[in-house]
Amino acid sequence: MLKRSLRTDIFLAFILLFAGVNLTGWKNVLPFLTKNFTLAFYPLLTIAFLLLIVFYFIGKKRKSGFLFGFHFWLTLLVYPLWALIQQLIVILLVYLPVFKLSNSPLVAVFFGSLFFAALHLPNFKFFLATLFGELIFLTVFSQTGNILAVAICHSLIAPSYYFWVHGDDVLKRRFAGR
């Protein structure tokens, strides 16, 4: 299994983000943060709320010890920035270039989602979950052009999935090197 350190993840994220911003320019990134926020946020929040209920009951049934522990709340606090960086990387490096080449939001959504899911390999469960999630996120992005709402909902769903469904303490794994 491929092991990566937190420093490696942060370094790679900033390299990819820098490359994506250099390709498109900051003036092209900033509208993604404010454009059509409420139009994107409410449908995503509804999906997030439903998934949180499902994840909670899965975690409760599996007796995951992480339902509302300190690391869970800390992860919810720091994850929004990480989610925004991840979404910017996918949109700037895959979605927008594929959309420009194909002129098809469907093709761009598919390849962007596949790219994002592939980053979560070799764990096939994470691959499938992120593929499903990113298909939703990029579909909403393609309709609204807003990335901030996507990142906020991503930052609610992902930690809940990790902690509750898989019993995976993301902070402990990342900072303890597990």
N, C-alpha and C. Protein backbone atom coordinates (compact mmCIF):
# COMPACT_ATOMS: atom_id res chain seq x y z
N MET A 1 0.84 -1.18 0.00
CA MET A 1 0.00 0.00 0.00
C MET A 1 0.89 1.25 0.00
N LEU A 2 0.56 2.19 -0.82
CA LEU A 2 1.31 3.43 -0.93
C LEU A 2 1.09 4.29 0.31
N LYS A 3 2.15 4.65 0.99
CA LYS A 3 2.05 5.51 2.17
C LYS A 3 2.54 6.89 1.80
N ARG A 4 1.75 7.88 2.17
CA ARG A 4 2.14 9.27 1.94
C ARG A 4 2.11 9.99 3.27
N SER A 5 2.98 10.94 3.42
CA SER A 5 2.98 11.72 4.65
C SER A 5 2.11 12.95 4.46
N LEU A 6 1.77 13.58 5.56
CA LEU A 6 0.99 14.81 5.51
C LEU A 6 1.75 15.89 4.76
N ARG A 7 3.06 15.99 5.01
CA ARG A 7 3.86 16.99 4.30
C ARG A 7 3.84 16.77 2.80
N THR A 8 3.90 15.51 2.39
CA THR A 8 3.85 15.20 0.96
C THR A 8 2.51 15.61 0.37
N ASP A 9 1.42 15.31 1.06
CA ASP A 9 0.09 15.69 0.59
C ASP A 9 -0.04 17.19 0.45
N ILE A 10 0.41 17.92 1.47
CA ILE A 10 0.30 19.40 1.43
C ILE A 10 1.17 19.95 0.31
N PHE A 11 2.39 19.44 0.19
CA PHE A 11 3.29 19.90 -0.86
C PHE A 11 2.68 19.66 -2.25
N LEU A 12 2.20 18.44 -2.48
CA LEU A 12 1.61 18.13 -3.78
C LEU A 12 0.36 18.97 -4.04
N ALA A 13 -0.45 19.19 -3.01
CA ALA A 13 -1.66 19.99 -3.19
C ALA A 13 -1.32 21.41 -3.61
N PHE A 14 -0.34 22.00 -2.97
CA PHE A 14 0.01 23.37 -3.33
C PHE A 14 0.69 23.45 -4.69
N ILE A 15 1.48 22.46 -5.06
CA ILE A 15 2.08 22.43 -6.40
C ILE A 15 0.98 22.35 -7.45
N LEU A 16 0.02 21.44 -7.25
CA LEU A 16 -1.08 21.29 -8.21
C LEU A 16 -1.95 22.53 -8.25
N LEU A 17 -2.24 23.10 -7.07
CA LEU A 17 -3.04 24.33 -7.02
C LEU A 17 -2.32 25.46 -7.73
N PHE A 18 -1.02 25.61 -7.48
CA PHE A 18 -0.23 26.65 -8.13
C PHE A 18 -0.24 26.47 -9.65
N ALA A 19 -0.08 25.22 -10.09
CA ALA A 19 -0.10 24.94 -11.53
C ALA A 19 -1.46 25.28 -12.12
N GLY A 20 -2.53 24.91 -11.43
CA GLY A 20 -3.87 25.20 -11.92
C GLY A 20 -4.16 26.69 -11.98
N VAL A 21 -3.74 27.43 -10.96
CA VAL A 21 -3.97 28.87 -10.96
C VAL A 21 -3.13 29.53 -12.03
N ASN A 22 -1.91 29.06 -12.24
CA ASN A 22 -1.08 29.63 -13.30
C ASN A 22 -1.68 29.40 -14.68
N LEU A 23 -2.37 28.27 -14.85
CA LEU A 23 -2.99 27.99 -16.15
C LEU A 23 -4.19 28.89 -16.41
N THR A 24 -4.93 29.21 -15.35
CA THR A 24 -6.17 29.96 -15.54
C THR A 24 -6.09 31.40 -15.05
N GLY A 25 -5.24 31.68 -14.07
CA GLY A 25 -5.13 33.02 -13.50
C GLY A 25 -6.12 33.22 -12.37
N TRP A 26 -5.70 33.98 -11.34
CA TRP A 26 -6.56 34.21 -10.18
C TRP A 26 -7.87 34.89 -10.53
N LYS A 27 -7.82 35.80 -11.53
CA LYS A 27 -9.07 36.50 -11.88
C LYS A 27 -10.14 35.54 -12.37
N ASN A 28 -9.72 34.37 -12.87
CA ASN A 28 -10.68 33.36 -13.31
C ASN A 28 -11.13 32.44 -12.18
N VAL A 29 -10.40 32.44 -11.05
CA VAL A 29 -10.73 31.57 -9.93
C VAL A 29 -11.72 32.25 -8.98
N LEU A 30 -11.54 33.54 -8.72
CA LEU A 30 -12.34 34.23 -7.71
C LEU A 30 -13.85 34.17 -7.94
N PRO A 31 -14.36 34.26 -9.17
CA PRO A 31 -15.82 34.15 -9.34
C PRO A 31 -16.39 32.81 -8.88
N PHE A 32 -15.56 31.76 -8.88
CA PHE A 32 -16.03 30.44 -8.45
C PHE A 32 -16.42 30.44 -6.97
N LEU A 33 -15.92 31.41 -6.21
CA LEU A 33 -16.19 31.44 -4.78
C LEU A 33 -17.53 32.09 -4.45
N THR A 34 -17.98 33.02 -5.26
CA THR A 34 -19.18 33.79 -4.92
C THR A 34 -20.36 33.59 -5.87
N LYS A 35 -20.10 33.24 -7.08
CA LYS A 35 -21.15 33.13 -8.09
C LYS A 35 -22.18 32.06 -7.72
N ASN A 36 -23.45 32.42 -7.69
CA ASN A 36 -24.57 31.49 -7.47
C ASN A 36 -24.43 30.63 -6.21
N PHE A 37 -23.93 31.21 -5.13
CA PHE A 37 -23.68 30.42 -3.92
C PHE A 37 -24.94 29.73 -3.42
N THR A 38 -26.03 30.46 -3.23
CA THR A 38 -27.24 29.85 -2.66
C THR A 38 -27.84 28.81 -3.62
N LEU A 39 -27.72 29.06 -4.91
CA LEU A 39 -28.23 28.11 -5.89
C LEU A 39 -27.50 26.76 -5.77
N ALA A 40 -26.22 26.80 -5.46
CA ALA A 40 -25.44 25.57 -5.31
C ALA A 40 -25.56 24.99 -3.90
N PHE A 41 -25.62 25.87 -2.90
CA PHE A 41 -25.51 25.42 -1.51
C PHE A 41 -26.70 24.61 -1.03
N TYR A 42 -27.92 25.07 -1.29
CA TYR A 42 -29.09 24.40 -0.72
C TYR A 42 -29.30 22.97 -1.22
N PRO A 43 -29.17 22.70 -2.51
CA PRO A 43 -29.28 21.28 -2.93
C PRO A 43 -28.17 20.41 -2.34
N LEU A 44 -26.94 20.96 -2.31
CA LEU A 44 -25.83 20.19 -1.74
C LEU A 44 -26.01 19.97 -0.25
N LEU A 45 -26.52 20.97 0.45
CA LEU A 45 -26.74 20.84 1.88
C LEU A 45 -27.79 19.77 2.17
N THR A 46 -28.81 19.69 1.32
CA THR A 46 -29.83 18.66 1.48
C THR A 46 -29.22 17.27 1.30
N ILE A 47 -28.40 17.11 0.26
CA ILE A 47 -27.72 15.83 0.03
C ILE A 47 -26.79 15.51 1.20
N ALA A 48 -26.04 16.52 1.65
CA ALA A 48 -25.12 16.32 2.77
C ALA A 48 -25.87 15.89 4.02
N PHE A 49 -26.98 16.53 4.31
CA PHE A 49 -27.77 16.21 5.49
C PHE A 49 -28.25 14.76 5.44
N LEU A 50 -28.76 14.34 4.29
CA LEU A 50 -29.22 12.95 4.14
C LEU A 50 -28.07 11.96 4.30
N LEU A 51 -26.93 12.27 3.71
CA LEU A 51 -25.78 11.38 3.84
C LEU A 51 -25.27 11.33 5.28
N LEU A 52 -25.29 12.47 5.97
CA LEU A 52 -24.86 12.50 7.37
C LEU A 52 -25.74 11.59 8.24
N ILE A 53 -27.03 11.60 7.97
CA ILE A 53 -27.94 10.72 8.72
C ILE A 53 -27.59 9.25 8.45
N VAL A 54 -27.39 8.90 7.19
CA VAL A 54 -27.03 7.53 6.83
C VAL A 54 -25.69 7.15 7.47
N PHE A 55 -24.69 8.01 7.33
CA PHE A 55 -23.36 7.73 7.89
C PHE A 55 -23.42 7.58 9.41
N TYR A 56 -24.22 8.42 10.07
CA TYR A 56 -24.34 8.37 11.52
C TYR A 56 -24.88 7.00 11.96
N PHE A 57 -25.94 6.56 11.31
CA PHE A 57 -26.53 5.28 11.70
C PHE A 57 -25.62 4.09 11.36
N ILE A 58 -24.88 4.20 10.29
CA ILE A 58 -23.89 3.16 9.99
C ILE A 58 -22.83 3.12 11.09
N GLY A 59 -22.34 4.29 11.48
CA GLY A 59 -21.34 4.37 12.53
C GLY A 59 -21.86 3.88 13.86
N LYS A 60 -23.12 4.21 14.15
CA LYS A 60 -23.72 3.77 15.41
C LYS A 60 -23.88 2.24 15.42
N LYS A 61 -24.29 1.69 14.29
CA LYS A 61 -24.47 0.23 14.20
C LYS A 61 -23.13 -0.48 14.33
N ARG A 62 -22.10 0.09 13.72
CA ARG A 62 -20.77 -0.52 13.79
C ARG A 62 -20.05 -0.20 15.09
N LYS A 63 -20.69 0.60 15.92
CA LYS A 63 -20.11 1.02 17.20
C LYS A 63 -18.77 1.70 17.00
N SER A 64 -18.74 2.57 15.99
CA SER A 64 -17.55 3.37 15.75
C SER A 64 -17.34 4.29 16.94
N GLY A 65 -16.17 4.29 17.51
CA GLY A 65 -15.90 5.11 18.68
C GLY A 65 -15.69 6.57 18.36
N PHE A 66 -15.84 6.94 17.09
CA PHE A 66 -15.50 8.29 16.65
C PHE A 66 -16.71 9.18 16.38
N LEU A 67 -17.89 8.79 16.79
CA LEU A 67 -19.07 9.52 16.37
C LEU A 67 -18.96 11.01 16.65
N PHE A 68 -18.64 11.41 17.86
CA PHE A 68 -18.52 12.83 18.14
C PHE A 68 -17.32 13.12 19.04
N GLY A 69 -16.21 12.45 18.77
CA GLY A 69 -15.00 12.66 19.56
C GLY A 69 -14.32 13.97 19.20
N PHE A 70 -13.31 14.31 19.98
CA PHE A 70 -12.58 15.56 19.79
C PHE A 70 -11.96 15.66 18.40
N HIS A 71 -11.35 14.58 17.91
CA HIS A 71 -10.72 14.62 16.59
C HIS A 71 -11.74 14.83 15.47
N PHE A 72 -12.95 14.31 15.67
CA PHE A 72 -14.00 14.53 14.66
C PHE A 72 -14.30 16.03 14.54
N TRP A 73 -14.50 16.70 15.67
CA TRP A 73 -14.81 18.14 15.65
C TRP A 73 -13.63 18.95 15.13
N LEU A 74 -12.42 18.56 15.51
CA LEU A 74 -11.23 19.25 15.03
C LEU A 74 -11.09 19.09 13.52
N THR A 75 -11.39 17.89 13.04
CA THR A 75 -11.34 17.65 11.58
C THR A 75 -12.37 18.52 10.86
N LEU A 76 -13.58 18.63 11.42
CA LEU A 76 -14.59 19.49 10.80
C LEU A 76 -14.15 20.95 10.77
N LEU A 77 -13.33 21.33 11.72
CA LEU A 77 -12.85 22.70 11.78
C LEU A 77 -11.79 22.99 10.71
N VAL A 78 -10.87 22.04 10.50
CA VAL A 78 -9.77 22.29 9.57
C VAL A 78 -10.03 21.78 8.15
N TYR A 79 -10.99 20.91 7.98
CA TYR A 79 -11.21 20.28 6.66
C TYR A 79 -11.72 21.23 5.57
N PRO A 80 -12.47 22.30 5.90
CA PRO A 80 -12.96 23.16 4.81
C PRO A 80 -11.86 23.72 3.90
N LEU A 81 -10.74 24.13 4.47
CA LEU A 81 -9.65 24.64 3.63
C LEU A 81 -9.10 23.52 2.74
N TRP A 82 -8.91 22.33 3.31
CA TRP A 82 -8.42 21.20 2.54
C TRP A 82 -9.40 20.83 1.42
N ALA A 83 -10.69 20.86 1.74
CA ALA A 83 -11.71 20.54 0.73
C ALA A 83 -11.69 21.57 -0.40
N LEU A 84 -11.53 22.85 -0.05
CA LEU A 84 -11.47 23.90 -1.08
C LEU A 84 -10.26 23.69 -1.98
N ILE A 85 -9.12 23.37 -1.38
CA ILE A 85 -7.91 23.13 -2.18
C ILE A 85 -8.13 21.93 -3.11
N GLN A 86 -8.70 20.85 -2.59
CA GLN A 86 -8.95 19.67 -3.42
C GLN A 86 -9.88 19.99 -4.60
N GLN A 87 -10.95 20.72 -4.31
CA GLN A 87 -11.91 21.04 -5.37
C GLN A 87 -11.29 21.97 -6.41
N LEU A 88 -10.49 22.94 -5.95
CA LEU A 88 -9.81 23.83 -6.90
C LEU A 88 -8.87 23.05 -7.80
N ILE A 89 -8.14 22.10 -7.23
CA ILE A 89 -7.22 21.29 -8.04
C ILE A 89 -8.00 20.52 -9.12
N VAL A 90 -9.08 19.88 -8.74
CA VAL A 90 -9.86 19.09 -9.71
C VAL A 90 -10.44 20.01 -10.79
N ILE A 91 -10.98 21.13 -10.38
CA ILE A 91 -11.62 22.02 -11.35
C ILE A 91 -10.60 22.68 -12.27
N LEU A 92 -9.50 23.17 -11.69
CA LEU A 92 -8.51 23.89 -12.50
C LEU A 92 -7.68 22.97 -13.38
N LEU A 93 -7.33 21.79 -12.88
CA LEU A 93 -6.44 20.92 -13.65
C LEU A 93 -7.15 19.92 -14.54
N VAL A 94 -8.40 19.57 -14.22
CA VAL A 94 -9.08 18.55 -15.02
C VAL A 94 -10.37 19.09 -15.62
N TYR A 95 -11.29 19.53 -14.78
CA TYR A 95 -12.62 19.91 -15.27
C TYR A 95 -12.55 21.00 -16.35
N LEU A 96 -11.93 22.13 -16.05
CA LEU A 96 -11.90 23.23 -17.02
C LEU A 96 -11.16 22.88 -18.31
N PRO A 97 -9.95 22.26 -18.24
CA PRO A 97 -9.29 21.88 -19.51
C PRO A 97 -10.10 20.87 -20.33
N VAL A 98 -10.70 19.88 -19.67
CA VAL A 98 -11.50 18.89 -20.40
C VAL A 98 -12.74 19.56 -20.99
N PHE A 99 -13.34 20.48 -20.25
CA PHE A 99 -14.51 21.18 -20.76
C PHE A 99 -14.14 22.02 -21.98
N LYS A 100 -12.98 22.67 -21.93
CA LYS A 100 -12.54 23.48 -23.08
C LYS A 100 -12.30 22.60 -24.30
N LEU A 101 -11.74 21.41 -24.09
CA LEU A 101 -11.47 20.51 -25.21
C LEU A 101 -12.73 19.87 -25.77
N SER A 102 -13.62 19.45 -24.89
CA SER A 102 -14.79 18.68 -25.32
C SER A 102 -16.04 19.53 -25.51
N ASN A 103 -16.05 20.68 -24.86
CA ASN A 103 -17.24 21.56 -24.85
C ASN A 103 -18.47 20.81 -24.30
N SER A 104 -18.20 19.85 -23.42
CA SER A 104 -19.27 19.06 -22.84
C SER A 104 -19.10 19.00 -21.32
N PRO A 105 -20.06 19.57 -20.57
CA PRO A 105 -19.95 19.48 -19.12
C PRO A 105 -20.03 18.03 -18.62
N LEU A 106 -20.76 17.19 -19.31
CA LEU A 106 -20.88 15.79 -18.91
C LEU A 106 -19.53 15.08 -18.97
N VAL A 107 -18.79 15.29 -20.03
CA VAL A 107 -17.47 14.69 -20.19
C VAL A 107 -16.51 15.25 -19.13
N ALA A 108 -16.57 16.55 -18.90
CA ALA A 108 -15.71 17.19 -17.91
C ALA A 108 -16.03 16.69 -16.50
N VAL A 109 -17.30 16.53 -16.19
CA VAL A 109 -17.71 16.00 -14.88
C VAL A 109 -17.18 14.58 -14.71
N PHE A 110 -17.33 13.76 -15.74
CA PHE A 110 -16.88 12.37 -15.65
C PHE A 110 -15.37 12.28 -15.42
N PHE A 111 -14.58 12.98 -16.23
CA PHE A 111 -13.13 12.88 -16.10
C PHE A 111 -12.62 13.55 -14.82
N GLY A 112 -13.23 14.65 -14.42
CA GLY A 112 -12.85 15.28 -13.15
C GLY A 112 -13.14 14.37 -11.98
N SER A 113 -14.28 13.70 -11.99
CA SER A 113 -14.65 12.78 -10.92
C SER A 113 -13.73 11.56 -10.91
N LEU A 114 -13.41 11.06 -12.07
CA LEU A 114 -12.51 9.91 -12.17
C LEU A 114 -11.12 10.27 -11.64
N PHE A 115 -10.64 11.44 -11.98
CA PHE A 115 -9.34 11.91 -11.48
C PHE A 115 -9.35 11.99 -9.96
N PHE A 116 -10.38 12.61 -9.40
CA PHE A 116 -10.45 12.78 -7.95
C PHE A 116 -10.54 11.43 -7.25
N ALA A 117 -11.34 10.54 -7.80
CA ALA A 117 -11.48 9.21 -7.20
C ALA A 117 -10.17 8.43 -7.28
N ALA A 118 -9.45 8.57 -8.38
CA ALA A 118 -8.18 7.85 -8.55
C ALA A 118 -7.16 8.28 -7.49
N LEU A 119 -7.26 9.50 -7.00
CA LEU A 119 -6.35 9.96 -5.96
C LEU A 119 -6.59 9.21 -4.64
N HIS A 120 -7.73 8.57 -4.50
CA HIS A 120 -8.06 7.85 -3.27
C HIS A 120 -7.78 6.35 -3.37
N LEU A 121 -7.17 5.92 -4.46
CA LEU A 121 -6.73 4.53 -4.57
C LEU A 121 -5.50 4.34 -3.71
N PRO A 122 -5.19 3.18 -3.22
CA PRO A 122 -5.65 1.87 -3.61
C PRO A 122 -6.89 1.39 -2.85
N ASN A 123 -7.44 2.20 -1.96
CA ASN A 123 -8.63 1.78 -1.22
C ASN A 123 -9.84 1.90 -2.13
N PHE A 124 -10.39 0.76 -2.55
CA PHE A 124 -11.48 0.75 -3.52
C PHE A 124 -12.77 1.35 -2.95
N LYS A 125 -13.01 1.17 -1.65
CA LYS A 125 -14.21 1.77 -1.03
C LYS A 125 -14.14 3.28 -1.08
N PHE A 126 -12.96 3.84 -0.79
CA PHE A 126 -12.80 5.29 -0.88
C PHE A 126 -12.92 5.75 -2.33
N PHE A 127 -12.38 4.95 -3.26
CA PHE A 127 -12.49 5.27 -4.68
C PHE A 127 -13.95 5.41 -5.09
N LEU A 128 -14.78 4.42 -4.74
CA LEU A 128 -16.20 4.45 -5.12
C LEU A 128 -16.93 5.61 -4.45
N ALA A 129 -16.65 5.81 -3.16
CA ALA A 129 -17.33 6.89 -2.43
C ALA A 129 -16.95 8.26 -3.00
N THR A 130 -15.68 8.45 -3.30
CA THR A 130 -15.27 9.75 -3.83
C THR A 130 -15.73 9.93 -5.28
N LEU A 131 -15.80 8.86 -6.03
CA LEU A 131 -16.32 8.96 -7.39
C LEU A 131 -17.78 9.43 -7.35
N PHE A 132 -18.58 8.79 -6.52
CA PHE A 132 -19.99 9.16 -6.36
C PHE A 132 -20.12 10.62 -5.88
N GLY A 133 -19.35 10.95 -4.85
CA GLY A 133 -19.43 12.30 -4.30
C GLY A 133 -19.00 13.36 -5.30
N GLU A 134 -17.91 13.10 -5.99
CA GLU A 134 -17.41 14.10 -6.94
C GLU A 134 -18.30 14.23 -8.16
N LEU A 135 -18.97 13.16 -8.55
CA LEU A 135 -19.96 13.27 -9.64
C LEU A 135 -21.05 14.27 -9.25
N ILE A 136 -21.50 14.19 -7.99
CA ILE A 136 -22.52 15.14 -7.51
C ILE A 136 -21.93 16.55 -7.44
N PHE A 137 -20.75 16.68 -6.83
CA PHE A 137 -20.14 17.99 -6.65
C PHE A 137 -19.87 18.69 -7.98
N LEU A 138 -19.28 17.96 -8.93
CA LEU A 138 -18.96 18.59 -10.21
C LEU A 138 -20.21 18.85 -11.06
N THR A 139 -21.24 18.04 -10.88
CA THR A 139 -22.50 18.32 -11.58
C THR A 139 -23.09 19.63 -11.09
N VAL A 140 -23.09 19.81 -9.78
CA VAL A 140 -23.60 21.08 -9.21
C VAL A 140 -22.70 22.23 -9.65
N PHE A 141 -21.39 22.02 -9.62
CA PHE A 141 -20.47 23.07 -10.08
C PHE A 141 -20.73 23.42 -11.53
N SER A 142 -20.93 22.40 -12.38
CA SER A 142 -21.15 22.68 -13.81
C SER A 142 -22.43 23.46 -14.05
N GLN A 143 -23.41 23.30 -13.16
CA GLN A 143 -24.67 24.02 -13.30
C GLN A 143 -24.63 25.42 -12.71
N THR A 144 -23.84 25.62 -11.65
CA THR A 144 -23.86 26.89 -10.92
C THR A 144 -22.57 27.69 -11.03
N GLY A 145 -21.46 27.02 -11.26
CA GLY A 145 -20.17 27.71 -11.30
C GLY A 145 -19.64 28.08 -9.92
N ASN A 146 -20.21 27.53 -8.86
CA ASN A 146 -19.76 27.87 -7.51
C ASN A 146 -18.98 26.73 -6.88
N ILE A 147 -17.78 27.05 -6.42
CA ILE A 147 -16.93 26.03 -5.80
C ILE A 147 -16.98 26.11 -4.27
N LEU A 148 -17.32 27.26 -3.72
CA LEU A 148 -17.34 27.42 -2.26
C LEU A 148 -18.40 26.52 -1.63
N ALA A 149 -19.59 26.49 -2.20
CA ALA A 149 -20.65 25.63 -1.68
C ALA A 149 -20.25 24.16 -1.78
N VAL A 150 -19.59 23.80 -2.87
CA VAL A 150 -19.11 22.43 -3.05
C VAL A 150 -18.10 22.08 -1.96
N ALA A 151 -17.16 22.99 -1.70
CA ALA A 151 -16.12 22.73 -0.70
C ALA A 151 -16.72 22.63 0.70
N ILE A 152 -17.70 23.46 1.02
CA ILE A 152 -18.32 23.41 2.34
C ILE A 152 -19.02 22.07 2.54
N CYS A 153 -19.79 21.63 1.56
CA CYS A 153 -20.49 20.36 1.69
C CYS A 153 -19.51 19.19 1.67
N HIS A 154 -18.46 19.29 0.88
CA HIS A 154 -17.40 18.28 0.87
C HIS A 154 -16.80 18.17 2.27
N SER A 155 -16.60 19.30 2.93
CA SER A 155 -15.97 19.29 4.25
C SER A 155 -16.89 18.76 5.35
N LEU A 156 -18.17 18.67 5.09
CA LEU A 156 -19.10 18.03 6.03
C LEU A 156 -19.19 16.52 5.78
N ILE A 157 -19.25 16.16 4.51
CA ILE A 157 -19.47 14.76 4.14
C ILE A 157 -18.23 13.89 4.34
N ALA A 158 -17.07 14.35 3.87
CA ALA A 158 -15.86 13.52 3.89
C ALA A 158 -15.44 13.10 5.30
N PRO A 159 -15.31 14.03 6.26
CA PRO A 159 -14.91 13.57 7.60
C PRO A 159 -15.93 12.62 8.23
N SER A 160 -17.21 12.87 7.99
CA SER A 160 -18.24 12.00 8.53
C SER A 160 -18.13 10.61 7.94
N TYR A 161 -17.86 10.54 6.66
CA TYR A 161 -17.67 9.24 6.00
C TYR A 161 -16.46 8.52 6.58
N TYR A 162 -15.33 9.22 6.66
CA TYR A 162 -14.12 8.60 7.21
C TYR A 162 -14.32 8.10 8.63
N PHE A 163 -14.80 8.99 9.50
CA PHE A 163 -14.92 8.66 10.92
C PHE A 163 -16.02 7.65 11.19
N TRP A 164 -17.21 7.91 10.65
CA TRP A 164 -18.37 7.13 11.05
C TRP A 164 -18.50 5.82 10.29
N VAL A 165 -18.29 5.83 8.99
CA VAL A 165 -18.48 4.62 8.19
C VAL A 165 -17.27 3.69 8.32
N HIS A 166 -16.06 4.27 8.28
CA HIS A 166 -14.85 3.44 8.30
C HIS A 166 -14.13 3.42 9.64
N GLY A 167 -14.57 4.24 10.58
CA GLY A 167 -13.87 4.29 11.86
C GLY A 167 -12.44 4.76 11.70
N ASP A 168 -12.20 5.64 10.73
CA ASP A 168 -10.87 6.11 10.38
C ASP A 168 -10.66 7.51 10.93
N ASP A 169 -9.80 7.64 11.92
CA ASP A 169 -9.45 8.94 12.49
C ASP A 169 -8.43 9.59 11.57
N VAL A 170 -8.91 10.47 10.73
CA VAL A 170 -8.08 11.09 9.70
C VAL A 170 -6.91 11.86 10.32
N LEU A 171 -7.17 12.63 11.35
CA LEU A 171 -6.10 13.40 11.98
C LEU A 171 -5.02 12.51 12.57
N LYS A 172 -5.45 11.48 13.27
CA LYS A 172 -4.49 10.57 13.88
C LYS A 172 -3.65 9.88 12.81
N ARG A 173 -4.31 9.45 11.75
CA ARG A 173 -3.60 8.77 10.66
C ARG A 173 -2.60 9.70 9.99
N ARG A 174 -3.01 10.95 9.77
CA ARG A 174 -2.15 11.90 9.06
C ARG A 174 -1.00 12.40 9.92
N PHE A 175 -1.28 12.72 11.18
CA PHE A 175 -0.25 13.31 12.01
C PHE A 175 0.60 12.26 12.72
N ALA A 176 0.05 11.08 12.92
CA ALA A 176 0.84 10.01 13.55
C ALA A 176 1.54 9.16 12.50
N GLY A 177 1.25 9.42 11.22
CA GLY A 177 1.88 8.68 10.14
C GLY A 177 1.35 7.28 9.95
N ARG A 178 0.12 7.03 10.43
CA ARG A 178 -0.48 5.70 10.27
C ARG A 178 -1.24 5.60 8.99
